[in-house]
Each structure stands twice: as C-alpha cells, then as structure tokens.
PDB file of N, CA and C in Angstrom:
ATOM      1  N   MET A   1     -15.528   5.049  13.899  1.00  0.00           N
ATOM      2  CA  MET A   1     -14.991   4.389  12.482  1.00  0.00           C
ATOM      3  C   MET A   1     -13.727   3.408  12.810  1.00  0.00           C
ATOM      4  N   ASP A   2     -13.832   2.443  12.160  1.00  0.00           N
ATOM      5  CA  ASP A   2     -12.662   1.442  12.287  1.00  0.00           C
ATOM      6  C   ASP A   2     -11.367   2.211  11.745  1.00  0.00           C
ATOM      7  N   ALA A   3     -10.208   1.744  12.251  1.00  0.00           N
ATOM      8  CA  ALA A   3      -9.000   2.410  11.814  1.00  0.00           C
ATOM      9  C   ALA A   3      -8.822   2.172  10.340  1.00  0.00           C
ATOM     10  N   PHE A   4      -8.992   1.057   9.851  1.00  0.00           N
ATOM     11  CA  PHE A   4      -8.796   0.680   8.465  1.00  0.00           C
ATOM     12  C   PHE A   4      -9.774  -0.451   7.934  1.00  0.00           C
ATOM     13  N   LYS A   5      -9.987  -0.597   6.682  1.00  0.00           N
ATOM     14  CA  LYS A   5     -10.780  -1.625   6.146  1.00  0.00           C
ATOM     15  C   LYS A   5      -9.871  -2.758   5.399  1.00  0.00           C
ATOM     16  N   ARG A   6     -10.193  -3.921   5.557  1.00  0.00           N
ATOM     17  CA  ARG A   6      -9.559  -4.917   4.789  1.00  0.00           C
ATOM     18  C   ARG A   6     -10.112  -5.294   3.517  1.00  0.00           C
ATOM     19  N   ILE A   7      -9.415  -5.326   2.503  1.00  0.00           N
ATOM     20  CA  ILE A   7      -9.900  -5.439   1.052  1.00  0.00           C
ATOM     21  C   ILE A   7      -9.147  -6.534   0.415  1.00  0.00           C
ATOM     22  N   ASN A   8      -9.683  -7.061  -0.720  1.00  0.00           N
ATOM     23  CA  ASN A   8      -9.055  -7.931  -1.552  1.00  0.00           C
ATOM     24  C   ASN A   8      -8.449  -7.215  -2.665  1.00  0.00           C
ATOM     25  N   VAL A   9      -7.603  -8.070  -3.539  1.00  0.00           N
ATOM     26  CA  VAL A   9      -6.881  -7.423  -4.670  1.00  0.00           C
ATOM     27  C   VAL A   9      -7.696  -6.821  -5.662  1.00  0.00           C
ATOM     28  N   THR A  10      -8.908  -7.342  -5.977  1.00  0.00           N
ATOM     29  CA  THR A  10      -9.771  -6.665  -6.937  1.00  0.00           C
ATOM     30  C   THR A  10     -10.264  -5.264  -6.447  1.00  0.00           C
ATOM     31  N   GLN A  11     -10.671  -5.206  -5.143  1.00  0.00           N
ATOM     32  CA  GLN A  11     -11.024  -4.001  -4.653  1.00  0.00           C
ATOM     33  C   GLN A  11      -9.906  -3.000  -4.679  1.00  0.00           C
ATOM     34  N   ALA A  12      -8.711  -3.461  -4.303  1.00  0.00           N
ATOM     35  CA  ALA A  12      -7.581  -2.598  -4.396  1.00  0.00           C
ATOM     36  C   ALA A  12      -7.240  -2.042  -5.701  1.00  0.00           C
ATOM     37  N   GLN A  13      -7.418  -2.897  -6.748  1.00  0.00           N
ATOM     38  CA  GLN A  13      -7.096  -2.439  -8.076  1.00  0.00           C
ATOM     39  C   GLN A  13      -8.104  -1.293  -8.388  1.00  0.00           C
ATOM     40  N   GLN A  14      -9.390  -1.590  -8.012  1.00  0.00           N
ATOM     41  CA  GLN A  14     -10.466  -0.477  -8.419  1.00  0.00           C
ATOM     42  C   GLN A  14     -10.160   0.771  -7.613  1.00  0.00           C
ATOM     43  N   LEU A  15      -9.797   0.753  -6.375  1.00  0.00           N
ATOM     44  CA  LEU A  15      -9.596   1.920  -5.657  1.00  0.00           C
ATOM     45  C   LEU A  15      -8.440   2.584  -6.310  1.00  0.00           C
ATOM     46  N   CYS A  16      -7.348   1.955  -6.699  1.00  0.00           N
ATOM     47  CA  CYS A  16      -6.216   2.619  -7.409  1.00  0.00           C
ATOM     48  C   CYS A  16      -6.550   3.257  -8.664  1.00  0.00           C
ATOM     49  N   ALA A  17      -7.455   2.518  -9.401  1.00  0.00           N
ATOM     50  CA  ALA A  17      -7.986   3.112 -10.774  1.00  0.00           C
ATOM     51  C   ALA A  17      -8.803   4.418 -10.404  1.00  0.00           C
ATOM     52  N   ASP A  18      -9.407   4.578  -9.245  1.00  0.00           N
ATOM     53  CA  ASP A  18     -10.213   5.678  -8.921  1.00  0.00           C
ATOM     54  C   ASP A  18      -9.386   6.725  -8.120  1.00  0.00           C
ATOM     55  N   GLY A  19      -8.030   6.537  -8.028  1.00  0.00           N
ATOM     56  CA  GLY A  19      -7.149   7.623  -7.512  1.00  0.00           C
ATOM     57  C   GLY A  19      -6.586   7.305  -6.118  1.00  0.00           C
ATOM     58  N   ALA A  20      -6.778   6.138  -5.716  1.00  0.00           N
ATOM     59  CA  ALA A  20      -6.208   5.764  -4.334  1.00  0.00           C
ATOM     60  C   ALA A  20      -4.667   5.751  -4.343  1.00  0.00           C
ATOM     61  N   VAL A  21      -4.063   5.947  -3.242  1.00  0.00           N
ATOM     62  CA  VAL A  21      -2.562   5.912  -3.106  1.00  0.00           C
ATOM     63  C   VAL A  21      -2.320   4.449  -2.672  1.00  0.00           C
ATOM     64  N   MET A  22      -1.371   3.745  -3.247  1.00  0.00           N
ATOM     65  CA  MET A  22      -0.954   2.520  -2.681  1.00  0.00           C
ATOM     66  C   MET A  22       0.550   2.603  -2.069  1.00  0.00           C
ATOM     67  N   VAL A  23       0.755   2.150  -0.870  1.00  0.00           N
ATOM     68  CA  VAL A  23       2.001   2.268  -0.214  1.00  0.00           C
ATOM     69  C   VAL A  23       2.485   0.757  -0.059  1.00  0.00           C
ATOM     70  N   ASP A  24       3.635   0.395  -0.360  1.00  0.00           N
ATOM     71  CA  ASP A  24       4.200  -0.867  -0.318  1.00  0.00           C
ATOM     72  C   ASP A  24       5.210  -0.746   0.830  1.00  0.00           C
ATOM     73  N   ILE A  25       5.014  -1.510   1.926  1.00  0.00           N
ATOM     74  CA  ILE A  25       5.919  -1.438   3.075  1.00  0.00           C
ATOM     75  C   ILE A  25       6.941  -2.558   3.133  1.00  0.00           C
ATOM     76  N   ARG A  26       7.089  -3.408   2.048  1.00  0.00           N
ATOM     77  CA  ARG A  26       8.134  -4.381   2.038  1.00  0.00           C
ATOM     78  C   ARG A  26       9.605  -3.765   1.978  1.00  0.00           C
ATOM     79  N   ASP A  27      10.545  -4.540   2.207  1.00  0.00           N
ATOM     80  CA  ASP A  27      11.965  -4.074   2.252  1.00  0.00           C
ATOM     81  C   ASP A  27      12.282  -3.606   0.751  1.00  0.00           C
ATOM     82  N   HIS A  28      13.342  -2.833   0.696  1.00  0.00           N
ATOM     83  CA  HIS A  28      13.847  -2.215  -0.522  1.00  0.00           C
ATOM     84  C   HIS A  28      14.024  -3.134  -1.636  1.00  0.00           C
ATOM     85  N   GLU A  29      14.730  -4.237  -1.401  1.00  0.00           N
ATOM     86  CA  GLU A  29      15.104  -5.121  -2.511  1.00  0.00           C
ATOM     87  C   GLU A  29      13.836  -5.894  -2.985  1.00  0.00           C
ATOM     88  N   SER A  30      12.888  -6.184  -2.175  1.00  0.00           N
ATOM     89  CA  SER A  30      11.686  -6.881  -2.567  1.00  0.00           C
ATOM     90  C   SER A  30      10.887  -5.860  -3.391  1.00  0.00           C
ATOM     91  N   PHE A  31      10.804  -4.624  -2.829  1.00  0.00           N
ATOM     92  CA  PHE A  31      10.043  -3.553  -3.819  1.00  0.00           C
ATOM     93  C   PHE A  31      10.711  -3.313  -5.128  1.00  0.00           C
ATOM     94  N   ALA A  32      12.027  -3.249  -5.111  1.00  0.00           N
ATOM     95  CA  ALA A  32      12.786  -3.026  -6.325  1.00  0.00           C
ATOM     96  C   ALA A  32      12.502  -4.230  -7.340  1.00  0.00           C
ATOM     97  N   GLY A  33      12.389  -5.441  -6.848  1.00  0.00           N
ATOM     98  CA  GLY A  33      12.283  -6.638  -7.711  1.00  0.00           C
ATOM     99  C   GLY A  33      10.851  -6.758  -8.174  1.00  0.00           C
ATOM    100  N   GLY A  34       9.859  -6.082  -7.733  1.00  0.00           N
ATOM    101  CA  GLY A  34       8.510  -6.019  -8.399  1.00  0.00           C
ATOM    102  C   GLY A  34       7.571  -5.411  -7.266  1.00  0.00           C
ATOM    103  N   HIS A  35       6.753  -4.622  -7.793  1.00  0.00           N
ATOM    104  CA  HIS A  35       5.574  -3.962  -6.935  1.00  0.00           C
ATOM    105  C   HIS A  35       4.495  -3.516  -7.916  1.00  0.00           C
ATOM    106  N   PRO A  36       3.403  -3.312  -7.290  1.00  0.00           N
ATOM    107  CA  PRO A  36       2.167  -2.734  -8.063  1.00  0.00           C
ATOM    108  C   PRO A  36       2.467  -1.577  -8.832  1.00  0.00           C
ATOM    109  N   VAL A  37       2.119  -1.409 -10.054  1.00  0.00           N
ATOM    110  CA  VAL A  37       2.409  -0.085 -10.838  1.00  0.00           C
ATOM    111  C   VAL A  37       1.765   1.064 -10.002  1.00  0.00           C
ATOM    112  N   GLY A  38       2.719   2.003  -9.933  1.00  0.00           N
ATOM    113  CA  GLY A  38       2.350   3.182  -9.176  1.00  0.00           C
ATOM    114  C   GLY A  38       2.563   3.315  -7.598  1.00  0.00           C
ATOM    115  N   ALA A  39       2.851   2.147  -7.151  1.00  0.00           N
ATOM    116  CA  ALA A  39       2.972   2.010  -5.667  1.00  0.00           C
ATOM    117  C   ALA A  39       4.210   2.874  -5.151  1.00  0.00           C
ATOM    118  N   ILE A  40       4.026   3.446  -3.917  1.00  0.00           N
ATOM    119  CA  ILE A  40       5.094   4.194  -3.342  1.00  0.00           C
ATOM    120  C   ILE A  40       5.685   3.291  -2.248  1.00  0.00           C
ATOM    121  N   HIS A  41       7.161   3.159  -2.342  1.00  0.00           N
ATOM    122  CA  HIS A  41       7.753   2.493  -1.209  1.00  0.00           C
ATOM    123  C   HIS A  41       7.723   3.314  -0.091  1.00  0.00           C
ATOM    124  N   LEU A  42       7.375   2.646   1.098  1.00  0.00           N
ATOM    125  CA  LEU A  42       7.368   3.399   2.306  1.00  0.00           C
ATOM    126  C   LEU A  42       8.229   2.527   3.340  1.00  0.00           C
ATOM    127  N   ASP A  43       9.174   3.146   3.836  1.00  0.00           N
ATOM    128  CA  ASP A  43      10.014   2.500   4.950  1.00  0.00           C
ATOM    129  C   ASP A  43      10.181   3.563   6.146  1.00  0.00           C
ATOM    130  N   ASN A  44      10.972   3.150   7.077  1.00  0.00           N
ATOM    131  CA  ASN A  44      11.305   3.898   8.226  1.00  0.00           C
ATOM    132  C   ASN A  44      11.889   5.370   7.751  1.00  0.00           C
ATOM    133  N   GLN A  45      12.722   5.320   6.721  1.00  0.00           N
ATOM    134  CA  GLN A  45      13.418   6.641   6.385  1.00  0.00           C
ATOM    135  C   GLN A  45      12.412   7.485   5.566  1.00  0.00           C
ATOM    136  N   SER A  46      11.490   6.904   4.884  1.00  0.00           N
ATOM    137  CA  SER A  46      10.637   7.810   4.000  1.00  0.00           C
ATOM    138  C   SER A  46       9.193   8.126   4.743  1.00  0.00           C
ATOM    139  N   LEU A  47       8.973   7.550   5.766  1.00  0.00           N
ATOM    140  CA  LEU A  47       7.729   7.672   6.487  1.00  0.00           C
ATOM    141  C   LEU A  47       7.364   8.972   6.913  1.00  0.00           C
ATOM    142  N   ALA A  48       8.161   9.717   7.561  1.00  0.00           N
ATOM    143  CA  ALA A  48       7.889  11.174   8.056  1.00  0.00           C
ATOM    144  C   ALA A  48       7.593  11.989   6.852  1.00  0.00           C
ATOM    145  N   GLU A  49       8.469  11.869   5.873  1.00  0.00           N
ATOM    146  CA  GLU A  49       8.153  12.880   4.612  1.00  0.00           C
ATOM    147  C   GLU A  49       6.808  12.499   3.842  1.00  0.00           C
ATOM    148  N   PHE A  50       6.540  11.225   3.856  1.00  0.00           N
ATOM    149  CA  PHE A  50       5.265  10.694   3.289  1.00  0.00           C
ATOM    150  C   PHE A  50       4.171  11.350   3.994  1.00  0.00           C
ATOM    151  N   ILE A  51       4.056  11.207   5.290  1.00  0.00           N
ATOM    152  CA  ILE A  51       3.013  11.677   6.162  1.00  0.00           C
ATOM    153  C   ILE A  51       2.789  13.131   5.931  1.00  0.00           C
ATOM    154  N   ALA A  52       4.030  13.992   5.973  1.00  0.00           N
ATOM    155  CA  ALA A  52       4.030  15.396   5.905  1.00  0.00           C
ATOM    156  C   ALA A  52       3.447  15.870   4.578  1.00  0.00           C
ATOM    157  N   GLN A  53       3.621  15.115   3.470  1.00  0.00           N
ATOM    158  CA  GLN A  53       3.105  15.492   2.127  1.00  0.00           C
ATOM    159  C   GLN A  53       1.806  14.961   1.775  1.00  0.00           C
ATOM    160  N   ALA A  54       1.325  13.895   2.447  1.00  0.00           N
ATOM    161  CA  ALA A  54       0.103  13.224   1.968  1.00  0.00           C
ATOM    162  C   ALA A  54      -1.122  14.090   2.239  1.00  0.00           C
ATOM    163  N   ASP A  55      -2.059  13.772   1.290  1.00  0.00           N
ATOM    164  CA  ASP A  55      -3.560  14.310   1.481  1.00  0.00           C
ATOM    165  C   ASP A  55      -4.135  13.267   2.397  1.00  0.00           C
ATOM    166  N   LEU A  56      -4.453  13.495   3.682  1.00  0.00           N
ATOM    167  CA  LEU A  56      -4.842  12.625   4.604  1.00  0.00           C
ATOM    168  C   LEU A  56      -6.295  12.076   4.181  1.00  0.00           C
ATOM    169  N   ASP A  57      -6.982  12.700   3.328  1.00  0.00           N
ATOM    170  CA  ASP A  57      -8.343  12.183   3.091  1.00  0.00           C
ATOM    171  C   ASP A  57      -8.326  11.291   1.759  1.00  0.00           C
ATOM    172  N   VAL A  58      -7.128  11.207   1.071  1.00  0.00           N
ATOM    173  CA  VAL A  58      -7.341  10.380  -0.145  1.00  0.00           C
ATOM    174  C   VAL A  58      -7.142   8.938   0.259  1.00  0.00           C
ATOM    175  N   PRO A  59      -8.025   8.033  -0.335  1.00  0.00           N
ATOM    176  CA  PRO A  59      -7.886   6.576   0.065  1.00  0.00           C
ATOM    177  C   PRO A  59      -6.483   6.100  -0.086  1.00  0.00           C
ATOM    178  N   THR A  60      -5.962   5.489   0.980  1.00  0.00           N
ATOM    179  CA  THR A  60      -4.602   4.944   0.960  1.00  0.00           C
ATOM    180  C   THR A  60      -4.676   3.532   1.296  1.00  0.00           C
ATOM    181  N   ILE A  61      -4.066   2.709   0.432  1.00  0.00           N
ATOM    182  CA  ILE A  61      -4.016   1.252   0.570  1.00  0.00           C
ATOM    183  C   ILE A  61      -2.614   0.902   0.949  1.00  0.00           C
ATOM    184  N   VAL A  62      -2.412   0.080   1.979  1.00  0.00           N
ATOM    185  CA  VAL A  62      -1.127  -0.349   2.501  1.00  0.00           C
ATOM    186  C   VAL A  62      -0.919  -1.955   2.135  1.00  0.00           C
ATOM    187  N   ILE A  63       0.175  -2.170   1.456  1.00  0.00           N
ATOM    188  CA  ILE A  63       0.317  -3.680   1.158  1.00  0.00           C
ATOM    189  C   ILE A  63       1.763  -3.960   1.723  1.00  0.00           C
ATOM    190  N   CYS A  64       1.971  -5.366   2.063  1.00  0.00           N
ATOM    191  CA  CYS A  64       3.106  -5.891   2.471  1.00  0.00           C
ATOM    192  C   CYS A  64       3.429  -7.194   1.706  1.00  0.00           C
ATOM    193  N   TYR A  65       3.952  -8.122   2.324  1.00  0.00           N
ATOM    194  CA  TYR A  65       4.199  -9.455   1.534  1.00  0.00           C
ATOM    195  C   TYR A  65       2.987 -10.269   1.364  1.00  0.00           C
ATOM    196  N   HIS A  66       2.286 -10.475   2.517  1.00  0.00           N
ATOM    197  CA  HIS A  66       1.021 -11.384   2.499  1.00  0.00           C
ATOM    198  C   HIS A  66      -0.183 -10.735   3.191  1.00  0.00           C
ATOM    199  N   GLY A  67      -0.052  -9.654   3.518  1.00  0.00           N
ATOM    200  CA  GLY A  67      -1.304  -8.994   4.220  1.00  0.00           C
ATOM    201  C   GLY A  67      -1.382  -8.884   5.595  1.00  0.00           C
ATOM    202  N   HIS A  68      -0.230  -9.277   6.332  1.00  0.00           N
ATOM    203  CA  HIS A  68      -0.293  -9.195   7.809  1.00  0.00           C
ATOM    204  C   HIS A  68       0.391  -7.862   8.304  1.00  0.00           C
ATOM    205  N   SER A  69       1.471  -7.620   8.086  1.00  0.00           N
ATOM    206  CA  SER A  69       2.215  -6.323   8.421  1.00  0.00           C
ATOM    207  C   SER A  69       1.520  -5.166   8.047  1.00  0.00           C
ATOM    208  N   SER A  70       0.833  -5.199   6.905  1.00  0.00           N
ATOM    209  CA  SER A  70       0.209  -4.079   6.345  1.00  0.00           C
ATOM    210  C   SER A  70      -1.029  -3.621   7.306  1.00  0.00           C
ATOM    211  N   GLN A  71      -1.519  -4.500   8.114  1.00  0.00           N
ATOM    212  CA  GLN A  71      -2.586  -4.169   9.152  1.00  0.00           C
ATOM    213  C   GLN A  71      -1.991  -3.207  10.159  1.00  0.00           C
ATOM    214  N   SER A  72      -0.824  -3.541  10.692  1.00  0.00           N
ATOM    215  CA  SER A  72      -0.205  -2.763  11.667  1.00  0.00           C
ATOM    216  C   SER A  72       0.087  -1.408  11.125  1.00  0.00           C
ATOM    217  N   ALA A  73       0.646  -1.433   9.947  1.00  0.00           N
ATOM    218  CA  ALA A  73       1.083  -0.165   9.311  1.00  0.00           C
ATOM    219  C   ALA A  73      -0.229   0.851   8.989  1.00  0.00           C
ATOM    220  N   ALA A  74      -1.291   0.210   8.672  1.00  0.00           N
ATOM    221  CA  ALA A  74      -2.395   1.030   8.383  1.00  0.00           C
ATOM    222  C   ALA A  74      -3.054   1.530   9.712  1.00  0.00           C
ATOM    223  N   ALA A  75      -2.916   0.777  10.733  1.00  0.00           N
ATOM    224  CA  ALA A  75      -3.375   1.330  12.083  1.00  0.00           C
ATOM    225  C   ALA A  75      -2.408   2.453  12.432  1.00  0.00           C
ATOM    226  N   TYR A  76      -1.106   2.470  12.095  1.00  0.00           N
ATOM    227  CA  TYR A  76      -0.250   3.408  12.539  1.00  0.00           C
ATOM    228  C   TYR A  76      -0.695   4.798  11.628  1.00  0.00           C
ATOM    229  N   LEU A  77      -0.968   4.497  10.483  1.00  0.00           N
ATOM    230  CA  LEU A  77      -1.236   5.780   9.642  1.00  0.00           C
ATOM    231  C   LEU A  77      -2.522   6.384  10.091  1.00  0.00           C
ATOM    232  N   HIS A  78      -3.410   5.466  10.486  1.00  0.00           N
ATOM    233  CA  HIS A  78      -4.787   6.005  11.018  1.00  0.00           C
ATOM    234  C   HIS A  78      -4.465   6.816  12.290  1.00  0.00           C
ATOM    235  N   SER A  79      -3.441   6.476  13.069  1.00  0.00           N
ATOM    236  CA  SER A  79      -3.006   7.277  14.368  1.00  0.00           C
ATOM    237  C   SER A  79      -2.462   8.548  13.924  1.00  0.00           C
ATOM    238  N   GLN A  80      -2.067   8.592  12.603  1.00  0.00           N
ATOM    239  CA  GLN A  80      -1.532   9.927  12.055  1.00  0.00           C
ATOM    240  C   GLN A  80      -2.578  10.768  11.358  1.00  0.00           C
ATOM    241  N   ASP A  81      -3.755  10.425  11.450  1.00  0.00           N
ATOM    242  CA  ASP A  81      -4.865  11.135  11.015  1.00  0.00           C
ATOM    243  C   ASP A  81      -5.254  10.883   9.573  1.00  0.00           C
ATOM    244  N   PHE A  82      -4.811   9.838   8.928  1.00  0.00           N
ATOM    245  CA  PHE A  82      -5.307   9.401   7.665  1.00  0.00           C
ATOM    246  C   PHE A  82      -6.662   8.897   7.914  1.00  0.00           C
ATOM    247  N   SER A  83      -7.532   9.331   7.020  1.00  0.00           N
ATOM    248  CA  SER A  83      -8.948   8.963   7.303  1.00  0.00           C
ATOM    249  C   SER A  83      -9.549   7.888   6.525  1.00  0.00           C
ATOM    250  N   ASP A  84      -9.022   7.491   5.387  1.00  0.00           N
ATOM    251  CA  ASP A  84      -9.516   6.505   4.609  1.00  0.00           C
ATOM    252  C   ASP A  84      -8.486   5.461   4.162  1.00  0.00           C
ATOM    253  N   LEU A  85      -8.371   4.449   5.034  1.00  0.00           N
ATOM    254  CA  LEU A  85      -7.321   3.418   5.062  1.00  0.00           C
ATOM    255  C   LEU A  85      -7.781   2.136   4.680  1.00  0.00           C
ATOM    256  N   TYR A  86      -6.924   1.453   3.881  1.00  0.00           N
ATOM    257  CA  TYR A  86      -7.054   0.031   3.652  1.00  0.00           C
ATOM    258  C   TYR A  86      -5.797  -0.867   3.763  1.00  0.00           C
ATOM    259  N   SER A  87      -6.078  -2.108   4.179  1.00  0.00           N
ATOM    260  CA  SER A  87      -4.971  -3.106   4.245  1.00  0.00           C
ATOM    261  C   SER A  87      -5.433  -4.250   3.223  1.00  0.00           C
ATOM    262  N   MET A  88      -4.573  -4.486   2.176  1.00  0.00           N
ATOM    263  CA  MET A  88      -4.797  -5.455   1.259  1.00  0.00           C
ATOM    264  C   MET A  88      -4.624  -6.873   1.676  1.00  0.00           C
ATOM    265  N   ASP A  89      -5.557  -7.719   1.790  1.00  0.00           N
ATOM    266  CA  ASP A  89      -5.365  -9.189   2.071  1.00  0.00           C
ATOM    267  C   ASP A  89      -4.595  -9.802   0.976  1.00  0.00           C
ATOM    268  N   GLY A  90      -3.613 -10.732   1.301  1.00  0.00           N
ATOM    269  CA  GLY A  90      -2.854 -11.484   0.418  1.00  0.00           C
ATOM    270  C   GLY A  90      -1.523 -10.681  -0.068  1.00  0.00           C
ATOM    271  N   GLY A  91      -1.458  -9.410   0.377  1.00  0.00           N
ATOM    272  CA  GLY A  91      -0.331  -8.674   0.001  1.00  0.00           C
ATOM    273  C   GLY A  91       0.081  -8.622  -1.467  1.00  0.00           C
ATOM    274  N   PHE A  92       1.420  -8.382  -1.676  1.00  0.00           N
ATOM    275  CA  PHE A  92       2.093  -8.332  -2.955  1.00  0.00           C
ATOM    276  C   PHE A  92       1.961  -9.626  -3.692  1.00  0.00           C
ATOM    277  N   GLU A  93       2.069 -10.681  -2.787  1.00  0.00           N
ATOM    278  CA  GLU A  93       2.006 -12.096  -3.422  1.00  0.00           C
ATOM    279  C   GLU A  93       0.643 -12.273  -4.228  1.00  0.00           C
ATOM    280  N   GLU A  94      -0.397 -11.846  -3.590  1.00  0.00           N
ATOM    281  CA  GLU A  94      -1.687 -12.068  -4.185  1.00  0.00           C
ATOM    282  C   GLU A  94      -1.849 -11.100  -5.377  1.00  0.00           C
ATOM    283  N   TRP A  95      -1.183  -9.878  -5.297  1.00  0.00           N
ATOM    284  CA  TRP A  95      -1.379  -8.878  -6.448  1.00  0.00           C
ATOM    285  C   TRP A  95      -0.609  -9.521  -7.712  1.00  0.00           C
ATOM    286  N   ARG A  96       0.615 -10.029  -7.364  1.00  0.00           N
ATOM    287  CA  ARG A  96       1.484 -10.692  -8.407  1.00  0.00           C
ATOM    288  C   ARG A  96       0.810 -11.769  -9.199  1.00  0.00           C
ATOM    289  N   HIS A  97       0.146 -12.553  -8.296  1.00  0.00           N
ATOM    290  CA  HIS A  97      -0.502 -13.671  -9.003  1.00  0.00           C
ATOM    291  C   HIS A  97      -1.846 -13.283  -9.800  1.00  0.00           C
ATOM    292  N   ALA A  98      -2.555 -12.408  -9.221  1.00  0.00           N
ATOM    293  CA  ALA A  98      -3.821 -11.870  -9.883  1.00  0.00           C
ATOM    294  C   ALA A  98      -3.641 -10.994 -10.914  1.00  0.00           C
ATOM    295  N   LEU A  99      -2.620 -10.066 -10.856  1.00  0.00           N
ATOM    296  CA  LEU A  99      -2.501  -8.998 -11.901  1.00  0.00           C
ATOM    297  C   LEU A  99      -1.040  -8.897 -12.255  1.00  0.00           C
ATOM    298  N   PRO A 100      -0.447  -9.932 -12.848  1.00  0.00           N
ATOM    299  CA  PRO A 100       0.979  -9.822 -13.347  1.00  0.00           C
ATOM    300  C   PRO A 100       1.234  -8.685 -14.249  1.00  0.00           C
ATOM    301  N   GLU A 101       0.245  -8.306 -15.006  1.00  0.00           N
ATOM    302  CA  GLU A 101       0.297  -7.152 -15.928  1.00  0.00           C
ATOM    303  C   GLU A 101       0.529  -5.790 -15.295  1.00  0.00           C
ATOM    304  N   LEU A 102       0.163  -5.830 -13.990  1.00  0.00           N
ATOM    305  CA  LEU A 102       0.208  -4.434 -13.261  1.00  0.00           C
ATOM    306  C   LEU A 102       1.384  -4.520 -12.188  1.00  0.00           C
ATOM    307  N   VAL A 103       2.443  -5.257 -12.511  1.00  0.00           N
ATOM    308  CA  VAL A 103       3.722  -5.362 -11.768  1.00  0.00           C
ATOM    309  C   VAL A 103       4.723  -4.668 -12.344  1.00  0.00           C
ATOM    310  N   GLU A 104       5.583  -3.765 -11.677  1.00  0.00           N
ATOM    311  CA  GLU A 104       6.710  -3.244 -12.350  1.00  0.00           C
ATOM    312  C   GLU A 104       7.877  -3.370 -11.345  1.00  0.00           C
ATOM    313  N   ARG A 105       9.035  -3.193 -12.037  1.00  0.00           N
ATOM    314  CA  ARG A 105      10.234  -3.124 -11.281  1.00  0.00           C
ATOM    315  C   ARG A 105      10.850  -1.794 -11.188  1.00  0.00           C
ATOM    316  N   SER A 106      11.708  -1.583 -10.137  1.00  0.00           N
ATOM    317  CA  SER A 106      12.310  -0.248 -10.031  1.00  0.00           C
ATOM    318  C   SER A 106      13.457  -0.282 -10.897  1.00  0.00           C
ATOM    319  N   ALA A 107      13.838   0.808 -11.537  1.00  0.00           N
ATOM    320  CA  ALA A 107      15.007   1.044 -12.375  1.00  0.00           C
ATOM    321  C   ALA A 107      16.255   1.241 -11.456  1.00  0.00           C
ATOM    322  N   GLU A 108      17.167   0.369 -11.579  1.00  0.00           N
ATOM    323  CA  GLU A 108      18.320   0.658 -10.711  1.00  0.00           C
ATOM    324  C   GLU A 108      19.560   0.318 -11.376  1.00  0.00           C
TER     325      GLU A 108
END
C-alpha cells in the first residue's frame, strides 16, 4: 500500500464529514489566522502527544500551505503506523478559496 493518497479539497471535505481527522502543519500564526473548521494544529511540540493519542486507523488528512510539505508529513505519519493517510493538494490556500464558510480562526 502507498504511504498516503493525494486528494483534492472536495474529497477532503467529504472525508472530514465522514469523520476523518484533519491536521494542519502550518506555523502557529498562520493556523491561528485561519484554518479548516475542526482541524488540529500539529507542530514539533504537539506531534508526539498527537501520535500517542491518535486512533491509527481513522482516516487522517494532512494539510499545509499549498500541498507540498503535507506530503512529507503524511509519509512520516505512515512511518508511525497510521494506516489511512491523505495529503490535500492545494493546501489551506485551496481550502480557503473553495470553502470560505468552513474556515475558522483560533481564539487568542
């Protein structure tokens, strides 16, 4: 099996509606400024805890700015025994343009 699948924003939205977990690997400030509704911010400080608490069989979608860094992050999660991984092409920029009603800001 491939380490992860590349999907578009429509497929990602459907997976989220069906219970997938979305992790956003952008920097803290970018995440706070806007991210997909329900997305989890994942960075070097939160990675170990996320992996320890995750259900490795739940579909997990990784997003970044434009869909490039998320591929490396998805491959890494695969190496940590996640079984159903996706990297979203176009990243948050694509999500923001396609689904502005599904963008939220962090309360700070």
